[in-house]
PDB file of N, CA and C in Angstrom:
ATOM      1  N   MET A   1     131.494  66.013  66.891  1.00  0.00           N
ATOM      2  CA  MET A   1     131.254  65.516  65.554  1.00  0.00           C
ATOM      3  C   MET A   1     131.901  64.142  65.424  1.00  0.00           C
ATOM      4  N   LYS A   2     131.171  63.232  64.827  1.00  0.00           N
ATOM      5  CA  LYS A   2     131.685  61.886  64.589  1.00  0.00           C
ATOM      6  C   LYS A   2     131.384  61.492  63.148  1.00  0.00           C
ATOM      7  N   ILE A   3     132.385  60.943  62.473  1.00  0.00           N
ATOM      8  CA  ILE A   3     132.216  60.485  61.098  1.00  0.00           C
ATOM      9  C   ILE A   3     132.727  59.055  61.010  1.00  0.00           C
ATOM     10  N   ASN A   4     131.891  58.151  60.537  1.00  0.00           N
ATOM     11  CA  ASN A   4     132.305  56.778  60.264  1.00  0.00           C
ATOM     12  C   ASN A   4     132.801  56.730  58.829  1.00  0.00           C
ATOM     13  N   SER A   5     133.958  56.094  58.618  1.00  0.00           N
ATOM     14  CA  SER A   5     134.547  56.106  57.287  1.00  0.00           C
ATOM     15  C   SER A   5     135.153  54.761  56.905  1.00  0.00           C
ATOM     16  N   CYS A   6     135.020  54.438  55.609  1.00  0.00           N
ATOM     17  CA  CYS A   6     135.709  53.270  55.059  1.00  0.00           C
ATOM     18  C   CYS A   6     137.105  53.712  54.610  1.00  0.00           C
ATOM     19  N   GLU A   7     137.909  52.773  54.133  1.00  0.00           N
ATOM     20  CA  GLU A   7     139.258  53.089  53.652  1.00  0.00           C
ATOM     21  C   GLU A   7     139.221  54.095  52.503  1.00  0.00           C
ATOM     22  N   THR A   8     138.255  53.960  51.616  1.00  0.00           N
ATOM     23  CA  THR A   8     138.174  54.814  50.431  1.00  0.00           C
ATOM     24  C   THR A   8     137.899  56.274  50.778  1.00  0.00           C
ATOM     25  N   HIS A   9     137.082  56.517  51.783  1.00  0.00           N
ATOM     26  CA  HIS A   9     136.639  57.875  52.091  1.00  0.00           C
ATOM     27  C   HIS A   9     137.326  58.518  53.301  1.00  0.00           C
ATOM     28  N   ILE A  10     138.390  57.929  53.812  1.00  0.00           N
ATOM     29  CA  ILE A  10     139.026  58.474  55.015  1.00  0.00           C
ATOM     30  C   ILE A  10     139.568  59.882  54.788  1.00  0.00           C
ATOM     31  N   ASN A  11     140.147  60.141  53.628  1.00  0.00           N
ATOM     32  CA  ASN A  11     140.668  61.493  53.368  1.00  0.00           C
ATOM     33  C   ASN A  11     139.539  62.519  53.326  1.00  0.00           C
ATOM     34  N   ARG A  12     138.431  62.153  52.735  1.00  0.00           N
ATOM     35  CA  ARG A  12     137.267  63.046  52.684  1.00  0.00           C
ATOM     36  C   ARG A  12     136.756  63.330  54.093  1.00  0.00           C
ATOM     37  N   ALA A  13     136.692  62.294  54.928  1.00  0.00           N
ATOM     38  CA  ALA A  13     136.213  62.458  56.306  1.00  0.00           C
ATOM     39  C   ALA A  13     137.133  63.387  57.097  1.00  0.00           C
ATOM     40  N   LEU A  14     138.442  63.200  56.941  1.00  0.00           N
ATOM     41  CA  LEU A  14     139.399  64.061  57.651  1.00  0.00           C
ATOM     42  C   LEU A  14     139.285  65.501  57.176  1.00  0.00           C
ATOM     43  N   ASP A  15     139.196  65.706  55.861  1.00  0.00           N
ATOM     44  CA  ASP A  15     139.072  67.059  55.308  1.00  0.00           C
ATOM     45  C   ASP A  15     137.795  67.738  55.785  1.00  0.00           C
ATOM     46  N   GLU A  16     136.690  67.017  55.752  1.00  0.00           N
ATOM     47  CA  GLU A  16     135.413  67.585  56.186  1.00  0.00           C
ATOM     48  C   GLU A  16     135.440  67.940  57.662  1.00  0.00           C
ATOM     49  N   PHE A  17     136.029  67.077  58.475  1.00  0.00           N
ATOM     50  CA  PHE A  17     136.103  67.319  59.910  1.00  0.00           C
ATOM     51  C   PHE A  17     136.900  68.588  60.196  1.00  0.00           C
ATOM     52  N   VAL A  18     138.075  68.712  59.583  1.00  0.00           N
ATOM     53  CA  VAL A  18     138.936  69.877  59.811  1.00  0.00           C
ATOM     54  C   VAL A  18     138.240  71.148  59.329  1.00  0.00           C
ATOM     55  N   ALA A  19     137.555  71.096  58.199  1.00  0.00           N
ATOM     56  CA  ALA A  19     136.861  72.270  57.671  1.00  0.00           C
ATOM     57  C   ALA A  19     135.744  72.734  58.607  1.00  0.00           C
ATOM     58  N   LYS A  20     135.019  71.798  59.189  1.00  0.00           N
ATOM     59  CA  LYS A  20     133.883  72.164  60.046  1.00  0.00           C
ATOM     60  C   LYS A  20     134.302  72.493  61.472  1.00  0.00           C
ATOM     61  N   GLU A  21     135.229  71.724  62.020  1.00  0.00           N
ATOM     62  CA  GLU A  21     135.600  71.874  63.430  1.00  0.00           C
ATOM     63  C   GLU A  21     136.825  72.761  63.641  1.00  0.00           C
ATOM     64  N   GLU A  22     137.588  73.011  62.584  1.00  0.00           N
ATOM     65  CA  GLU A  22     138.806  73.822  62.633  1.00  0.00           C
ATOM     66  C   GLU A  22     139.818  73.318  63.664  1.00  0.00           C
ATOM     67  N   THR A  23     139.880  72.018  63.802  1.00  0.00           N
ATOM     68  CA  THR A  23     140.855  71.364  64.666  1.00  0.00           C
ATOM     69  C   THR A  23     141.148  69.988  64.092  1.00  0.00           C
ATOM     70  N   PHE A  24     142.283  69.416  64.462  1.00  0.00           N
ATOM     71  CA  PHE A  24     142.636  68.106  63.934  1.00  0.00           C
ATOM     72  C   PHE A  24     141.927  67.026  64.744  1.00  0.00           C
ATOM     73  N   PRO A  25     141.318  66.057  64.077  1.00  0.00           N
ATOM     74  CA  PRO A  25     140.560  65.003  64.765  1.00  0.00           C
ATOM     75  C   PRO A  25     141.436  63.842  65.205  1.00  0.00           C
ATOM     76  N   SER A  26     140.854  62.967  65.977  1.00  0.00           N
ATOM     77  CA  SER A  26     141.501  61.687  66.247  1.00  0.00           C
ATOM     78  C   SER A  26     140.853  60.668  65.322  1.00  0.00           C
ATOM     79  N   MET A  27     141.639  59.728  64.850  1.00  0.00           N
ATOM     80  CA  MET A  27     141.159  58.709  63.930  1.00  0.00           C
ATOM     81  C   MET A  27     141.346  57.372  64.623  1.00  0.00           C
ATOM     82  N   GLU A  28     140.242  56.743  65.004  1.00  0.00           N
ATOM     83  CA  GLU A  28     140.297  55.501  65.763  1.00  0.00           C
ATOM     84  C   GLU A  28     139.751  54.352  64.922  1.00  0.00           C
ATOM     85  N   PRO A  29     140.389  53.190  64.996  1.00  0.00           N
ATOM     86  CA  PRO A  29     139.827  52.039  64.283  1.00  0.00           C
ATOM     87  C   PRO A  29     138.532  51.593  64.950  1.00  0.00           C
ATOM     88  N   ILE A  30     137.588  51.158  64.153  1.00  0.00           N
ATOM     89  CA  ILE A  30     136.326  50.647  64.679  1.00  0.00           C
ATOM     90  C   ILE A  30     136.545  49.208  65.132  1.00  0.00           C
ATOM     91  N   THR A  31     136.020  48.873  66.302  1.00  0.00           N
ATOM     92  CA  THR A  31     136.212  47.532  66.847  1.00  0.00           C
ATOM     93  C   THR A  31     135.510  46.484  65.992  1.00  0.00           C
ATOM     94  N   ASN A  32     135.932  45.262  66.112  1.00  0.00           N
ATOM     95  CA  ASN A  32     135.349  44.171  65.329  1.00  0.00           C
ATOM     96  C   ASN A  32     133.847  44.026  65.577  1.00  0.00           C
ATOM     97  N   GLU A  33     133.398  44.251  66.802  1.00  0.00           N
ATOM     98  CA  GLU A  33     131.973  44.146  67.120  1.00  0.00           C
ATOM     99  C   GLU A  33     131.171  45.235  66.400  1.00  0.00           C
ATOM    100  N   GLU A  34     131.712  46.450  66.348  1.00  0.00           N
ATOM    101  CA  GLU A  34     131.016  47.560  65.701  1.00  0.00           C
ATOM    102  C   GLU A  34     131.057  47.452  64.183  1.00  0.00           C
ATOM    103  N   LYS A  35     132.075  46.796  63.642  1.00  0.00           N
ATOM    104  CA  LYS A  35     132.215  46.680  62.185  1.00  0.00           C
ATOM    105  C   LYS A  35     131.033  45.972  61.546  1.00  0.00           C
ATOM    106  N   LEU A  36     130.395  45.094  62.274  1.00  0.00           N
ATOM    107  CA  LEU A  36     129.292  44.316  61.726  1.00  0.00           C
ATOM    108  C   LEU A  36     128.079  45.170  61.388  1.00  0.00           C
ATOM    109  N   SER A  37     127.902  46.299  62.071  1.00  0.00           N
ATOM    110  CA  SER A  37     126.693  47.085  61.867  1.00  0.00           C
ATOM    111  C   SER A  37     126.950  48.553  61.525  1.00  0.00           C
ATOM    112  N   THR A  38     128.206  48.960  61.407  1.00  0.00           N
ATOM    113  CA  THR A  38     128.520  50.361  61.159  1.00  0.00           C
ATOM    114  C   THR A  38     128.955  50.559  59.710  1.00  0.00           C
ATOM    115  N   THR A  39     128.225  51.392  58.989  1.00  0.00           N
ATOM    116  CA  THR A  39     128.590  51.670  57.604  1.00  0.00           C
ATOM    117  C   THR A  39     129.219  53.053  57.486  1.00  0.00           C
ATOM    118  N   CYS A  40     129.930  53.248  56.410  1.00  0.00           N
ATOM    119  CA  CYS A  40     130.559  54.521  56.091  1.00  0.00           C
ATOM    120  C   CYS A  40     129.478  55.588  55.908  1.00  0.00           C
ATOM    121  N   ASP A  41     129.761  56.812  56.347  1.00  0.00           N
ATOM    122  CA  ASP A  41     128.797  57.902  56.188  1.00  0.00           C
ATOM    123  C   ASP A  41     128.704  58.392  54.746  1.00  0.00           C
ATOM    124  N   TYR A  42     129.605  57.947  53.879  1.00  0.00           N
ATOM    125  CA  TYR A  42     129.629  58.400  52.490  1.00  0.00           C
ATOM    126  C   TYR A  42     129.193  57.325  51.490  1.00  0.00           C
ATOM    127  N   CYS A  43     129.156  56.069  51.913  1.00  0.00           N
ATOM    128  CA  CYS A  43     128.735  54.983  51.028  1.00  0.00           C
ATOM    129  C   CYS A  43     128.167  53.851  51.891  1.00  0.00           C
ATOM    130  N   ASP A  44     127.855  52.732  51.308  1.00  0.00           N
ATOM    131  CA  ASP A  44     127.250  51.615  52.049  1.00  0.00           C
ATOM    132  C   ASP A  44     128.259  50.556  52.481  1.00  0.00           C
ATOM    133  N   THR A  45     129.547  50.852  52.314  1.00  0.00           N
ATOM    134  CA  THR A  45     130.602  49.921  52.705  1.00  0.00           C
ATOM    135  C   THR A  45     130.754  49.951  54.227  1.00  0.00           C
ATOM    136  N   LEU A  46     131.211  48.846  54.801  1.00  0.00           N
ATOM    137  CA  LEU A  46     131.450  48.818  56.245  1.00  0.00           C
ATOM    138  C   LEU A  46     132.537  49.821  56.623  1.00  0.00           C
ATOM    139  N   ALA A  47     132.307  50.536  57.709  1.00  0.00           N
ATOM    140  CA  ALA A  47     133.269  51.531  58.191  1.00  0.00           C
ATOM    141  C   ALA A  47     134.460  50.858  58.850  1.00  0.00           C
ATOM    142  N   VAL A  48     135.619  51.478  58.705  1.00  0.00           N
ATOM    143  CA  VAL A  48     136.850  50.978  59.302  1.00  0.00           C
ATOM    144  C   VAL A  48     137.357  51.947  60.372  1.00  0.00           C
ATOM    145  N   TYR A  49     137.073  53.245  60.199  1.00  0.00           N
ATOM    146  CA  TYR A  49     137.567  54.282  61.110  1.00  0.00           C
ATOM    147  C   TYR A  49     136.440  55.148  61.645  1.00  0.00           C
ATOM    148  N   LEU A  50     136.649  55.641  62.862  1.00  0.00           N
ATOM    149  CA  LEU A  50     135.791  56.656  63.461  1.00  0.00           C
ATOM    150  C   LEU A  50     136.638  57.910  63.584  1.00  0.00           C
ATOM    151  N   VAL A  51     136.216  58.971  62.917  1.00  0.00           N
ATOM    152  CA  VAL A  51     136.903  60.248  62.992  1.00  0.00           C
ATOM    153  C   VAL A  51     136.107  61.095  63.969  1.00  0.00           C
ATOM    154  N   THR A  52     136.757  61.550  65.039  1.00  0.00           N
ATOM    155  CA  THR A  52     136.044  62.252  66.111  1.00  0.00           C
ATOM    156  C   THR A  52     136.966  63.233  66.834  1.00  0.00           C
ATOM    157  N   ASN A  53     136.396  64.041  67.690  1.00  0.00           N
ATOM    158  CA  ASN A  53     137.179  64.954  68.502  1.00  0.00           C
ATOM    159  C   ASN A  53     137.060  64.622  69.981  1.00  0.00           C
ATOM    160  N   THR A  54     136.514  63.461  70.296  1.00  0.00           N
ATOM    161  CA  THR A  54     136.378  63.081  71.701  1.00  0.00           C
ATOM    162  C   THR A  54     137.306  61.945  72.055  1.00  0.00           C
TER     163      THR A  54
END
């Protein structure tokens, strides 16, 4: 599972990940190259974090 998140929705992304996967995720910053085209999964703002288990 991967969730792209902005600063505003990071808590929601972490909560949703833990609820679905029942494990704690890793939270990685999105690189500058990816920031140009990656939006938050909850709104249209540019994503800052990738919440994932890989």
